Amino acid sequence: MNSEAPRPVHLKDYRPPAYLIDTVDLDIALDPEATRVAVRMAIRHNPKAGNVTAELKLNGEFLTLEHIAIDGQLLP
């Protein structure tokens, strides 16, 4: 769990995000022992971000990633 105190974000520091998420589809199977969530997202580069490139990060706590794919191709 992250123990750092949140830092304020000022309007002057705002930058458009490098990517936009157009759709998010969730398939959730609730189970007291092991809830499973499958996610499919449509993500694209944000033209307002200019040539800014940023890596996409998967953020989560107490989660186990089973697999991830881009355009149907599994990533290592």
C-alpha atoms as a PDB file:
ATOM      1  CA  MET A   1       0.000   0.000   0.000  1.00  0.00           C
ATOM      2  CA  ASN A   2       1.287   3.470  -0.847  1.00  0.00           C
ATOM      3  CA  SER A   3       2.097   5.460   2.301  1.00  0.00           C
ATOM      4  CA  GLU A   4       3.016   8.741   0.608  1.00  0.00           C
ATOM      5  CA  ALA A   5       0.760  11.711   1.261  1.00  0.00           C
ATOM      6  CA  PRO A   6      -1.020  12.986  -1.856  1.00  0.00           C
ATOM      7  CA  ARG A   7       0.639  15.949  -3.525  1.00  0.00           C
ATOM      8  CA  PRO A   8      -1.460  18.859  -4.787  1.00  0.00           C
ATOM      9  CA  VAL A   9      -1.782  19.252  -8.553  1.00  0.00           C
ATOM     10  CA  HIS A  10      -1.807  22.852  -9.737  1.00  0.00           C
ATOM     11  CA  LEU A  11      -3.474  24.006 -12.946  1.00  0.00           C
ATOM     12  CA  LYS A  12      -0.178  25.542 -14.114  1.00  0.00           C
ATOM     13  CA  ASP A  13       1.414  22.070 -13.980  1.00  0.00           C
ATOM     14  CA  TYR A  14      -1.314  20.378 -16.055  1.00  0.00           C
ATOM     15  CA  ARG A  15      -0.303  18.662 -19.288  1.00  0.00           C
ATOM     16  CA  PRO A  16      -2.708  16.827 -21.614  1.00  0.00           C
ATOM     17  CA  PRO A  17      -2.455  13.061 -21.136  1.00  0.00           C
ATOM     18  CA  ALA A  18      -0.372  11.227 -23.741  1.00  0.00           C
ATOM     19  CA  TYR A  19      -3.183   8.701 -24.305  1.00  0.00           C
ATOM     20  CA  LEU A  20      -6.975   8.743 -24.370  1.00  0.00           C
ATOM     21  CA  ILE A  21      -9.162   5.811 -23.347  1.00  0.00           C
ATOM     22  CA  ASP A  22     -12.189   5.603 -25.641  1.00  0.00           C
ATOM     23  CA  THR A  23     -13.889   2.528 -24.194  1.00  0.00           C
ATOM     24  CA  VAL A  24     -13.561   0.208 -21.213  1.00  0.00           C
ATOM     25  CA  ASP A  25     -15.355  -3.155 -21.154  1.00  0.00           C
ATOM     26  CA  LEU A  26     -15.319  -5.079 -17.870  1.00  0.00           C
ATOM     27  CA  ASP A  27     -16.255  -8.707 -17.280  1.00  0.00           C
ATOM     28  CA  ILE A  28     -16.387  -9.343 -13.522  1.00  0.00           C
ATOM     29  CA  ALA A  29     -16.810 -12.773 -11.907  1.00  0.00           C
ATOM     30  CA  LEU A  30     -17.368 -12.254  -8.176  1.00  0.00           C
ATOM     31  CA  ASP A  31     -16.081 -14.959  -5.856  1.00  0.00           C
ATOM     32  CA  PRO A  32     -15.258 -14.718  -2.115  1.00  0.00           C
ATOM     33  CA  GLU A  33     -11.923 -16.482  -2.706  1.00  0.00           C
ATOM     34  CA  ALA A  34     -10.787 -15.104  -6.073  1.00  0.00           C
ATOM     35  CA  THR A  35     -12.759 -12.458  -7.953  1.00  0.00           C
ATOM     36  CA  ARG A  36     -11.696 -12.298 -11.600  1.00  0.00           C
ATOM     37  CA  VAL A  37     -11.849  -9.196 -13.769  1.00  0.00           C
ATOM     38  CA  ALA A  38     -11.230  -9.163 -17.520  1.00  0.00           C
ATOM     39  CA  VAL A  39     -10.773  -5.723 -19.077  1.00  0.00           C
ATOM     40  CA  ARG A  40     -10.729  -4.694 -22.729  1.00  0.00           C
ATOM     41  CA  MET A  41      -9.826  -1.065 -23.499  1.00  0.00           C
ATOM     42  CA  ALA A  42      -9.530   0.997 -26.664  1.00  0.00           C
ATOM     43  CA  ILE A  43      -6.621   3.400 -26.142  1.00  0.00           C
ATOM     44  CA  ARG A  44      -5.177   5.915 -28.599  1.00  0.00           C
ATOM     45  CA  HIS A  45      -2.571   8.653 -28.671  1.00  0.00           C
ATOM     46  CA  ASN A  46      -3.923  12.067 -27.684  1.00  0.00           C
ATOM     47  CA  PRO A  47      -3.318  14.533 -30.547  1.00  0.00           C
ATOM     48  CA  LYS A  48      -3.399  17.430 -28.032  1.00  0.00           C
ATOM     49  CA  ALA A  49      -0.353  15.942 -26.297  1.00  0.00           C
ATOM     50  CA  GLY A  50       1.782  16.677 -29.350  1.00  0.00           C
ATOM     51  CA  ASN A  51       4.779  14.390 -29.811  1.00  0.00           C
ATOM     52  CA  VAL A  52       4.823  13.470 -26.148  1.00  0.00           C
ATOM     53  CA  THR A  53       5.183   9.740 -25.662  1.00  0.00           C
ATOM     54  CA  ALA A  54       4.775   8.065 -22.327  1.00  0.00           C
ATOM     55  CA  GLU A  55       4.777   4.475 -21.264  1.00  0.00           C
ATOM     56  CA  LEU A  56       1.471   2.989 -20.226  1.00  0.00           C
ATOM     57  CA  LYS A  57       1.573   1.679 -16.674  1.00  0.00           C
ATOM     58  CA  LEU A  58      -0.722  -0.790 -15.015  1.00  0.00           C
ATOM     59  CA  ASN A  59      -1.349   0.466 -11.485  1.00  0.00           C
ATOM     60  CA  GLY A  60      -2.901  -1.750  -8.870  1.00  0.00           C
ATOM     61  CA  GLU A  61      -2.432  -3.121  -5.385  1.00  0.00           C
ATOM     62  CA  PHE A  62      -3.060  -6.700  -4.274  1.00  0.00           C
ATOM     63  CA  LEU A  63      -3.707  -7.806  -7.880  1.00  0.00           C
ATOM     64  CA  THR A  64      -2.283 -10.670  -9.904  1.00  0.00           C
ATOM     65  CA  LEU A  65      -1.849 -10.018 -13.623  1.00  0.00           C
ATOM     66  CA  GLU A  66      -2.569 -13.224 -15.526  1.00  0.00           C
ATOM     67  CA  HIS A  67      -1.862 -11.921 -19.026  1.00  0.00           C
ATOM     68  CA  ILE A  68      -1.873  -8.794 -21.143  1.00  0.00           C
ATOM     69  CA  ALA A  69      -2.122  -8.350 -24.909  1.00  0.00           C
ATOM     70  CA  ILE A  70      -2.025  -5.558 -27.476  1.00  0.00           C
ATOM     71  CA  ASP A  71      -4.096  -6.099 -30.612  1.00  0.00           C
ATOM     72  CA  GLY A  72      -4.440  -9.774 -29.671  1.00  0.00           C
ATOM     73  CA  GLN A  73      -0.673 -10.335 -29.275  1.00  0.00           C
ATOM     74  CA  LEU A  74       0.328 -11.541 -25.796  1.00  0.00           C
ATOM     75  CA  LEU A  75       3.087  -9.562 -24.114  1.00  0.00           C
ATOM     76  CA  PRO A  76       5.826 -11.218 -22.050  1.00  0.00           C
END
